[in-house]
Amino acid sequence: MKYLFTLFIAFLLTSCVSTKSTIKNVDNTALRPLVKDKAYIITEYATDGKYGYDQDYPINIGFINEKQEDINIQYYFSGLEGPNGEKISYKKVDTCCPFPTKNSLMGAGTIGMYEVTFEGSNKKITLYFNIYEKGKILCPKGFSIKKFPARDK
């Protein structure tokens, strides 16, 4: 029975998946940033206002195992601040947008939707993340790159 249920779920996921991915910013040569103090060291700002804010231009942090999603999302947000240095809070609120990928055992992936707030503000921002494809990891518009204190050698 468990096997039939798993097979049915796999069928549903793959039947709902488009035959062509709509993700526009995949870059299989992109390198994941270094990690320092449990945060990605992000060095560049996005020039496209859609980066992270549009499901077709997600923040591509893949290829990672689904079990590593939480830690990699944490590293990403730990490397950012609000536009004026505010602390960021985030939570995963949904998944959407199934797409075909060779980087999943089922042949399909989904985009994670994260709700983000800045300390001192009630405004909620939704950012889209893709753990199945690679892309340049950038700071989206409206955020700033966290500055890490230099350590003595």
N, C-alpha and C. Protein backbone atom coordinates (compact mmCIF):
# COMPACT_ATOMS: atom_id res chain seq x y z
N MET A 1 0.82 -1.19 0.00
CA MET A 1 0.00 0.00 0.00
C MET A 1 0.87 1.26 0.00
N LYS A 2 1.92 1.23 0.84
CA LYS A 2 2.83 2.38 0.91
C LYS A 2 3.48 2.62 -0.46
N TYR A 3 3.84 1.53 -1.14
CA TYR A 3 4.46 1.63 -2.46
C TYR A 3 3.49 2.30 -3.45
N LEU A 4 2.22 1.88 -3.42
CA LEU A 4 1.22 2.47 -4.32
C LEU A 4 1.02 3.95 -4.04
N PHE A 5 1.00 4.33 -2.77
CA PHE A 5 0.85 5.74 -2.41
C PHE A 5 2.03 6.56 -2.93
N THR A 6 3.23 6.05 -2.73
CA THR A 6 4.43 6.74 -3.22
C THR A 6 4.40 6.87 -4.74
N LEU A 7 4.01 5.81 -5.41
CA LEU A 7 3.90 5.83 -6.86
C LEU A 7 2.86 6.84 -7.33
N PHE A 8 1.73 6.91 -6.64
CA PHE A 8 0.67 7.86 -6.97
C PHE A 8 1.16 9.30 -6.79
N ILE A 9 1.85 9.59 -5.70
CA ILE A 9 2.38 10.93 -5.45
C ILE A 9 3.41 11.30 -6.52
N ALA A 10 4.28 10.37 -6.86
CA ALA A 10 5.27 10.63 -7.91
C ALA A 10 4.58 10.93 -9.23
N PHE A 11 3.54 10.19 -9.54
CA PHE A 11 2.78 10.42 -10.77
C PHE A 11 2.16 11.81 -10.76
N LEU A 12 1.54 12.18 -9.65
CA LEU A 12 0.92 13.50 -9.55
C LEU A 12 1.94 14.62 -9.76
N LEU A 13 3.08 14.48 -9.10
CA LEU A 13 4.11 15.52 -9.23
C LEU A 13 4.62 15.62 -10.65
N THR A 14 4.87 14.50 -11.27
CA THR A 14 5.43 14.55 -12.62
C THR A 14 4.38 14.92 -13.65
N SER A 15 3.13 14.61 -13.40
CA SER A 15 2.09 14.97 -14.37
C SER A 15 1.76 16.45 -14.32
N CYS A 16 2.04 17.10 -13.19
CA CYS A 16 1.77 18.53 -13.05
C CYS A 16 2.95 19.37 -13.51
N VAL A 17 4.04 18.73 -13.84
CA VAL A 17 5.26 19.45 -14.20
C VAL A 17 5.25 19.79 -15.68
N SER A 18 5.59 21.02 -15.96
CA SER A 18 5.72 21.43 -17.34
C SER A 18 6.87 20.65 -17.97
N THR A 19 6.83 20.49 -19.28
CA THR A 19 7.90 19.75 -19.95
C THR A 19 9.12 20.64 -20.17
N LYS A 20 8.98 21.93 -19.94
CA LYS A 20 10.09 22.86 -20.12
C LYS A 20 10.17 23.78 -18.92
N SER A 21 11.35 23.97 -18.41
CA SER A 21 11.54 24.85 -17.26
C SER A 21 11.42 26.31 -17.68
N THR A 22 10.80 27.11 -16.82
CA THR A 22 10.66 28.54 -17.11
C THR A 22 11.72 29.37 -16.34
N ILE A 23 12.58 28.69 -15.59
CA ILE A 23 13.59 29.40 -14.81
C ILE A 23 14.62 30.01 -15.75
N LYS A 24 14.85 31.31 -15.61
CA LYS A 24 15.67 32.06 -16.56
C LYS A 24 17.13 32.25 -16.15
N ASN A 25 17.44 32.08 -14.86
CA ASN A 25 18.78 32.45 -14.39
C ASN A 25 19.61 31.27 -13.90
N VAL A 26 19.47 30.13 -14.55
CA VAL A 26 20.28 28.96 -14.21
C VAL A 26 21.68 29.16 -14.80
N ASP A 27 22.69 28.85 -13.99
CA ASP A 27 24.08 28.91 -14.43
C ASP A 27 24.81 27.73 -13.81
N ASN A 28 24.98 26.67 -14.58
CA ASN A 28 25.60 25.45 -14.05
C ASN A 28 27.07 25.60 -13.72
N THR A 29 27.69 26.70 -14.10
CA THR A 29 29.10 26.93 -13.78
C THR A 29 29.27 27.77 -12.52
N ALA A 30 28.18 28.27 -11.96
CA ALA A 30 28.26 29.14 -10.78
C ALA A 30 28.79 28.36 -9.57
N LEU A 31 29.58 29.06 -8.77
CA LEU A 31 30.12 28.47 -7.55
C LEU A 31 29.33 28.97 -6.35
N ARG A 32 29.10 28.11 -5.40
CA ARG A 32 28.44 28.51 -4.16
C ARG A 32 29.44 29.36 -3.36
N PRO A 33 28.97 30.42 -2.72
CA PRO A 33 29.89 31.27 -1.94
C PRO A 33 30.54 30.52 -0.79
N LEU A 34 31.66 31.04 -0.34
CA LEU A 34 32.31 30.50 0.85
C LEU A 34 31.43 30.76 2.05
N VAL A 35 31.60 29.95 3.10
CA VAL A 35 30.84 30.12 4.33
C VAL A 35 31.79 30.62 5.41
N LYS A 36 31.37 31.68 6.11
CA LYS A 36 32.14 32.23 7.23
C LYS A 36 31.15 32.53 8.35
N ASP A 37 31.45 32.07 9.55
CA ASP A 37 30.57 32.28 10.70
C ASP A 37 29.13 31.85 10.38
N LYS A 38 28.99 30.71 9.73
CA LYS A 38 27.69 30.13 9.36
C LYS A 38 26.88 31.05 8.45
N ALA A 39 27.57 31.74 7.57
CA ALA A 39 26.90 32.63 6.61
C ALA A 39 27.64 32.60 5.28
N TYR A 40 26.87 32.67 4.19
CA TYR A 40 27.51 32.81 2.88
C TYR A 40 28.17 34.18 2.81
N ILE A 41 29.34 34.21 2.23
CA ILE A 41 30.01 35.47 1.95
C ILE A 41 29.55 35.91 0.56
N ILE A 42 28.53 36.75 0.55
CA ILE A 42 27.95 37.23 -0.70
C ILE A 42 28.71 38.48 -1.10
N THR A 43 29.15 38.54 -2.35
CA THR A 43 30.02 39.64 -2.77
C THR A 43 29.42 40.56 -3.82
N GLU A 44 28.29 40.15 -4.40
CA GLU A 44 27.72 40.95 -5.48
C GLU A 44 26.25 41.23 -5.26
N TYR A 45 25.81 42.37 -5.79
CA TYR A 45 24.41 42.75 -5.76
C TYR A 45 23.75 42.40 -7.09
N ALA A 46 22.50 41.97 -7.03
CA ALA A 46 21.73 41.70 -8.25
C ALA A 46 21.44 43.01 -8.95
N THR A 47 21.54 43.01 -10.26
CA THR A 47 21.19 44.20 -11.04
C THR A 47 19.77 44.09 -11.58
N ASP A 48 19.23 42.88 -11.60
CA ASP A 48 17.87 42.65 -12.08
C ASP A 48 16.91 42.67 -10.90
N GLY A 49 15.91 43.52 -10.93
CA GLY A 49 14.93 43.63 -9.86
C GLY A 49 14.09 42.38 -9.68
N LYS A 50 14.10 41.48 -10.66
CA LYS A 50 13.33 40.24 -10.55
C LYS A 50 14.06 39.18 -9.72
N TYR A 51 15.37 39.34 -9.57
CA TYR A 51 16.19 38.32 -8.90
C TYR A 51 15.64 38.05 -7.49
N GLY A 52 15.18 36.81 -7.28
CA GLY A 52 14.66 36.39 -5.99
C GLY A 52 13.20 36.73 -5.77
N TYR A 53 12.69 37.75 -6.45
CA TYR A 53 11.32 38.21 -6.26
C TYR A 53 10.33 37.58 -7.25
N ASP A 54 10.84 36.88 -8.23
CA ASP A 54 10.01 36.31 -9.29
C ASP A 54 10.31 34.81 -9.37
N GLN A 55 9.28 33.99 -9.48
CA GLN A 55 9.48 32.55 -9.52
C GLN A 55 10.31 32.09 -10.71
N ASP A 56 10.38 32.87 -11.76
CA ASP A 56 11.20 32.52 -12.91
C ASP A 56 12.65 33.01 -12.76
N TYR A 57 12.93 33.79 -11.71
CA TYR A 57 14.28 34.29 -11.42
C TYR A 57 14.59 34.03 -9.94
N PRO A 58 14.50 32.76 -9.51
CA PRO A 58 14.71 32.47 -8.09
C PRO A 58 16.19 32.56 -7.72
N ILE A 59 16.44 32.50 -6.43
CA ILE A 59 17.81 32.40 -5.93
C ILE A 59 18.15 30.92 -6.02
N ASN A 60 19.01 30.58 -6.96
CA ASN A 60 19.37 29.19 -7.25
C ASN A 60 20.55 28.77 -6.38
N ILE A 61 20.27 28.01 -5.32
CA ILE A 61 21.34 27.59 -4.42
C ILE A 61 21.69 26.11 -4.59
N GLY A 62 21.20 25.48 -5.64
CA GLY A 62 21.42 24.05 -5.88
C GLY A 62 22.80 23.79 -6.42
N PHE A 63 23.08 22.64 -6.70
CA PHE A 63 22.47 21.35 -6.51
C PHE A 63 22.73 20.91 -5.08
N ILE A 64 21.68 20.84 -4.30
CA ILE A 64 21.83 20.34 -2.93
C ILE A 64 20.75 19.31 -2.65
N ASN A 65 21.03 18.46 -1.71
CA ASN A 65 20.06 17.48 -1.23
C ASN A 65 18.95 18.22 -0.50
N GLU A 66 17.73 17.76 -0.64
CA GLU A 66 16.59 18.42 0.02
C GLU A 66 16.79 18.55 1.52
N LYS A 67 17.51 17.61 2.12
CA LYS A 67 17.77 17.66 3.56
C LYS A 67 18.71 18.81 3.93
N GLN A 68 19.40 19.37 2.96
CA GLN A 68 20.33 20.47 3.21
C GLN A 68 19.71 21.83 2.93
N GLU A 69 18.44 21.85 2.55
CA GLU A 69 17.79 23.12 2.21
C GLU A 69 17.83 24.10 3.38
N ASP A 70 17.41 23.67 4.57
CA ASP A 70 17.32 24.58 5.71
C ASP A 70 18.65 25.24 6.03
N ILE A 71 19.73 24.46 6.06
CA ILE A 71 21.03 25.03 6.43
C ILE A 71 21.54 25.99 5.35
N ASN A 72 21.31 25.67 4.09
CA ASN A 72 21.77 26.56 3.03
C ASN A 72 20.95 27.85 2.97
N ILE A 73 19.66 27.78 3.26
CA ILE A 73 18.84 28.98 3.34
C ILE A 73 19.30 29.83 4.52
N GLN A 74 19.62 29.17 5.63
CA GLN A 74 20.13 29.90 6.80
C GLN A 74 21.44 30.61 6.45
N TYR A 75 22.35 29.92 5.78
CA TYR A 75 23.61 30.54 5.37
C TYR A 75 23.34 31.77 4.49
N TYR A 76 22.38 31.63 3.58
CA TYR A 76 22.07 32.73 2.67
C TYR A 76 21.59 33.96 3.46
N PHE A 77 20.57 33.77 4.28
CA PHE A 77 20.02 34.92 5.01
C PHE A 77 20.99 35.46 6.05
N SER A 78 21.89 34.62 6.57
CA SER A 78 22.89 35.10 7.53
C SER A 78 23.93 35.98 6.86
N GLY A 79 24.00 35.94 5.54
CA GLY A 79 24.93 36.78 4.78
C GLY A 79 24.33 38.11 4.34
N LEU A 80 23.06 38.34 4.73
CA LEU A 80 22.36 39.55 4.31
C LEU A 80 21.84 40.34 5.50
N GLU A 81 21.52 41.59 5.24
CA GLU A 81 20.86 42.47 6.20
C GLU A 81 19.79 43.25 5.45
N GLY A 82 18.97 43.96 6.21
CA GLY A 82 18.03 44.85 5.58
C GLY A 82 18.77 46.00 4.92
N PRO A 83 18.06 46.87 4.21
CA PRO A 83 18.72 47.95 3.46
C PRO A 83 19.51 48.92 4.35
N ASN A 84 19.14 49.00 5.63
CA ASN A 84 19.84 49.89 6.56
C ASN A 84 20.50 49.10 7.69
N GLY A 85 20.86 47.86 7.40
CA GLY A 85 21.54 47.02 8.39
C GLY A 85 20.61 46.29 9.35
N GLU A 86 19.30 46.28 9.06
CA GLU A 86 18.36 45.62 9.95
C GLU A 86 18.56 44.11 9.95
N LYS A 87 18.24 43.50 11.08
CA LYS A 87 18.25 42.05 11.20
C LYS A 87 17.09 41.49 10.38
N ILE A 88 17.32 40.33 9.76
CA ILE A 88 16.32 39.68 8.91
C ILE A 88 15.71 38.49 9.64
N SER A 89 14.39 38.36 9.51
CA SER A 89 13.69 37.15 9.95
C SER A 89 13.05 36.54 8.71
N TYR A 90 12.98 35.22 8.68
CA TYR A 90 12.41 34.55 7.51
C TYR A 90 11.76 33.24 7.93
N LYS A 91 10.83 32.79 7.10
CA LYS A 91 10.24 31.46 7.29
C LYS A 91 9.72 30.98 5.95
N LYS A 92 9.79 29.67 5.77
CA LYS A 92 9.26 29.07 4.55
C LYS A 92 7.75 29.03 4.69
N VAL A 93 7.06 29.55 3.66
CA VAL A 93 5.60 29.61 3.72
C VAL A 93 4.92 28.69 2.71
N ASP A 94 5.62 28.28 1.66
CA ASP A 94 4.98 27.46 0.65
C ASP A 94 6.01 26.97 -0.35
N THR A 95 5.57 26.10 -1.23
CA THR A 95 6.34 25.71 -2.42
C THR A 95 5.41 25.90 -3.61
N CYS A 96 6.01 26.13 -4.75
CA CYS A 96 5.20 26.34 -5.94
C CYS A 96 5.97 25.89 -7.18
N CYS A 97 5.31 26.07 -8.27
CA CYS A 97 5.94 26.11 -9.57
C CYS A 97 6.77 24.87 -9.93
N PRO A 98 6.17 23.69 -9.97
CA PRO A 98 6.93 22.50 -10.35
C PRO A 98 7.59 22.68 -11.72
N PHE A 99 8.79 22.14 -11.83
CA PHE A 99 9.54 22.23 -13.10
C PHE A 99 10.39 20.98 -13.27
N PRO A 100 10.71 20.64 -14.51
CA PRO A 100 11.54 19.46 -14.75
C PRO A 100 13.00 19.75 -14.40
N THR A 101 13.65 18.77 -13.81
CA THR A 101 15.08 18.91 -13.51
C THR A 101 15.72 17.53 -13.48
N LYS A 102 16.96 17.48 -13.88
CA LYS A 102 17.73 16.24 -13.82
C LYS A 102 18.36 16.07 -12.45
N ASN A 103 18.22 17.08 -11.59
CA ASN A 103 18.88 17.08 -10.29
C ASN A 103 17.98 16.61 -9.15
N SER A 104 16.93 15.89 -9.48
CA SER A 104 16.01 15.32 -8.50
C SER A 104 15.73 13.88 -8.90
N LEU A 105 15.62 13.02 -7.92
CA LEU A 105 15.35 11.62 -8.21
C LEU A 105 14.01 11.43 -8.92
N MET A 106 13.05 12.32 -8.66
CA MET A 106 11.74 12.21 -9.29
C MET A 106 11.68 12.92 -10.64
N GLY A 107 12.74 13.63 -11.00
CA GLY A 107 12.75 14.33 -12.28
C GLY A 107 12.03 15.68 -12.25
N ALA A 108 11.64 16.11 -11.05
CA ALA A 108 10.94 17.38 -10.91
C ALA A 108 11.40 18.08 -9.64
N GLY A 109 11.35 19.39 -9.68
CA GLY A 109 11.67 20.20 -8.51
C GLY A 109 10.59 21.23 -8.29
N THR A 110 10.64 21.86 -7.14
CA THR A 110 9.72 22.96 -6.84
C THR A 110 10.51 24.14 -6.30
N ILE A 111 9.89 25.29 -6.33
CA ILE A 111 10.50 26.52 -5.83
C ILE A 111 9.99 26.76 -4.41
N GLY A 112 10.90 27.02 -3.49
CA GLY A 112 10.53 27.35 -2.11
C GLY A 112 10.22 28.82 -1.98
N MET A 113 9.13 29.13 -1.29
CA MET A 113 8.72 30.52 -1.08
C MET A 113 8.98 30.88 0.39
N TYR A 114 9.77 31.93 0.60
CA TYR A 114 10.14 32.36 1.94
C TYR A 114 9.63 33.77 2.20
N GLU A 115 8.99 33.94 3.35
CA GLU A 115 8.51 35.25 3.77
C GLU A 115 9.59 35.90 4.63
N VAL A 116 9.94 37.13 4.28
CA VAL A 116 11.05 37.82 4.94
C VAL A 116 10.54 39.13 5.53
N THR A 117 11.00 39.42 6.75
CA THR A 117 10.71 40.71 7.37
C THR A 117 12.01 41.29 7.90
N PHE A 118 12.03 42.61 8.01
CA PHE A 118 13.18 43.31 8.58
C PHE A 118 12.80 43.76 9.99
N GLU A 119 13.76 43.74 10.89
CA GLU A 119 13.53 44.19 12.26
C GLU A 119 12.97 45.62 12.24
N GLY A 120 11.91 45.84 13.01
CA GLY A 120 11.31 47.17 13.09
C GLY A 120 10.29 47.46 12.01
N SER A 121 9.98 46.47 11.18
CA SER A 121 9.02 46.67 10.10
C SER A 121 8.05 45.49 10.04
N ASN A 122 6.81 45.76 9.69
CA ASN A 122 5.83 44.69 9.52
C ASN A 122 5.68 44.28 8.06
N LYS A 123 6.38 44.98 7.16
CA LYS A 123 6.30 44.68 5.73
C LYS A 123 6.88 43.29 5.47
N LYS A 124 6.14 42.49 4.70
CA LYS A 124 6.57 41.13 4.37
C LYS A 124 6.96 41.06 2.90
N ILE A 125 8.09 40.44 2.66
CA ILE A 125 8.62 40.27 1.30
C ILE A 125 8.67 38.77 1.03
N THR A 126 8.32 38.36 -0.17
CA THR A 126 8.44 36.95 -0.56
C THR A 126 9.62 36.78 -1.50
N LEU A 127 10.52 35.87 -1.14
CA LEU A 127 11.64 35.51 -2.00
C LEU A 127 11.50 34.05 -2.41
N TYR A 128 11.92 33.76 -3.62
CA TYR A 128 11.82 32.42 -4.21
C TYR A 128 13.20 31.77 -4.27
N PHE A 129 13.27 30.49 -3.85
CA PHE A 129 14.53 29.75 -3.83
C PHE A 129 14.39 28.43 -4.58
N ASN A 130 15.45 28.09 -5.30
CA ASN A 130 15.52 26.85 -6.06
C ASN A 130 16.73 26.07 -5.57
N ILE A 131 16.50 24.88 -4.99
CA ILE A 131 17.61 24.08 -4.48
C ILE A 131 18.10 23.06 -5.50
N TYR A 132 17.45 23.00 -6.66
CA TYR A 132 17.77 21.97 -7.64
C TYR A 132 18.71 22.45 -8.75
N GLU A 133 18.78 23.74 -8.97
CA GLU A 133 19.62 24.28 -10.04
C GLU A 133 20.62 25.26 -9.45
N LYS A 134 21.72 25.44 -10.16
CA LYS A 134 22.75 26.37 -9.72
C LYS A 134 22.56 27.72 -10.39
N GLY A 135 23.06 28.74 -9.74
CA GLY A 135 23.04 30.08 -10.29
C GLY A 135 23.92 30.95 -9.41
N LYS A 136 24.23 32.12 -9.90
CA LYS A 136 25.04 33.04 -9.13
C LYS A 136 24.24 33.48 -7.91
N ILE A 137 24.85 33.38 -6.74
CA ILE A 137 24.16 33.76 -5.50
C ILE A 137 24.49 35.22 -5.21
N LEU A 138 23.46 36.04 -5.30
CA LEU A 138 23.60 37.49 -5.21
C LEU A 138 22.74 38.06 -4.09
N CYS A 139 22.97 39.32 -3.78
CA CYS A 139 22.13 40.05 -2.84
C CYS A 139 21.00 40.69 -3.63
N PRO A 140 19.73 40.36 -3.31
CA PRO A 140 18.62 40.94 -4.08
C PRO A 140 18.43 42.42 -3.76
N LYS A 141 17.81 43.12 -4.66
CA LYS A 141 17.51 44.53 -4.45
C LYS A 141 16.66 44.67 -3.19
N GLY A 142 16.91 45.73 -2.43
CA GLY A 142 16.18 45.96 -1.19
C GLY A 142 16.85 45.36 0.03
N PHE A 143 17.96 44.65 -0.17
CA PHE A 143 18.75 44.06 0.91
C PHE A 143 20.16 44.63 0.83
N SER A 144 20.96 44.38 1.86
CA SER A 144 22.37 44.74 1.80
C SER A 144 23.20 43.54 2.24
N ILE A 145 24.44 43.52 1.79
CA ILE A 145 25.36 42.44 2.12
C ILE A 145 25.90 42.68 3.53
N LYS A 146 25.83 41.66 4.35
CA LYS A 146 26.32 41.76 5.73
C LYS A 146 27.82 41.92 5.73
N LYS A 147 28.29 42.82 6.56
CA LYS A 147 29.73 43.03 6.72
C LYS A 147 30.19 42.25 7.94
N PHE A 148 31.22 41.46 7.74
CA PHE A 148 31.76 40.66 8.83
C PHE A 148 32.99 41.36 9.41
N PRO A 149 33.09 41.42 10.73
CA PRO A 149 34.28 42.04 11.33
C PRO A 149 35.54 41.27 10.96
N ALA A 150 36.60 41.99 10.73
CA ALA A 150 37.87 41.34 10.43
C ALA A 150 38.39 40.67 11.70
N ARG A 151 38.98 39.52 11.53
CA ARG A 151 39.54 38.81 12.67
C ARG A 151 41.03 39.03 12.72
N ASP A 152 41.55 39.10 13.93
CA ASP A 152 43.01 39.20 14.10
C ASP A 152 43.63 37.87 13.75
N LYS A 153 44.78 37.93 13.14
CA LYS A 153 45.47 36.68 12.76
C LYS A 153 46.32 36.16 13.86
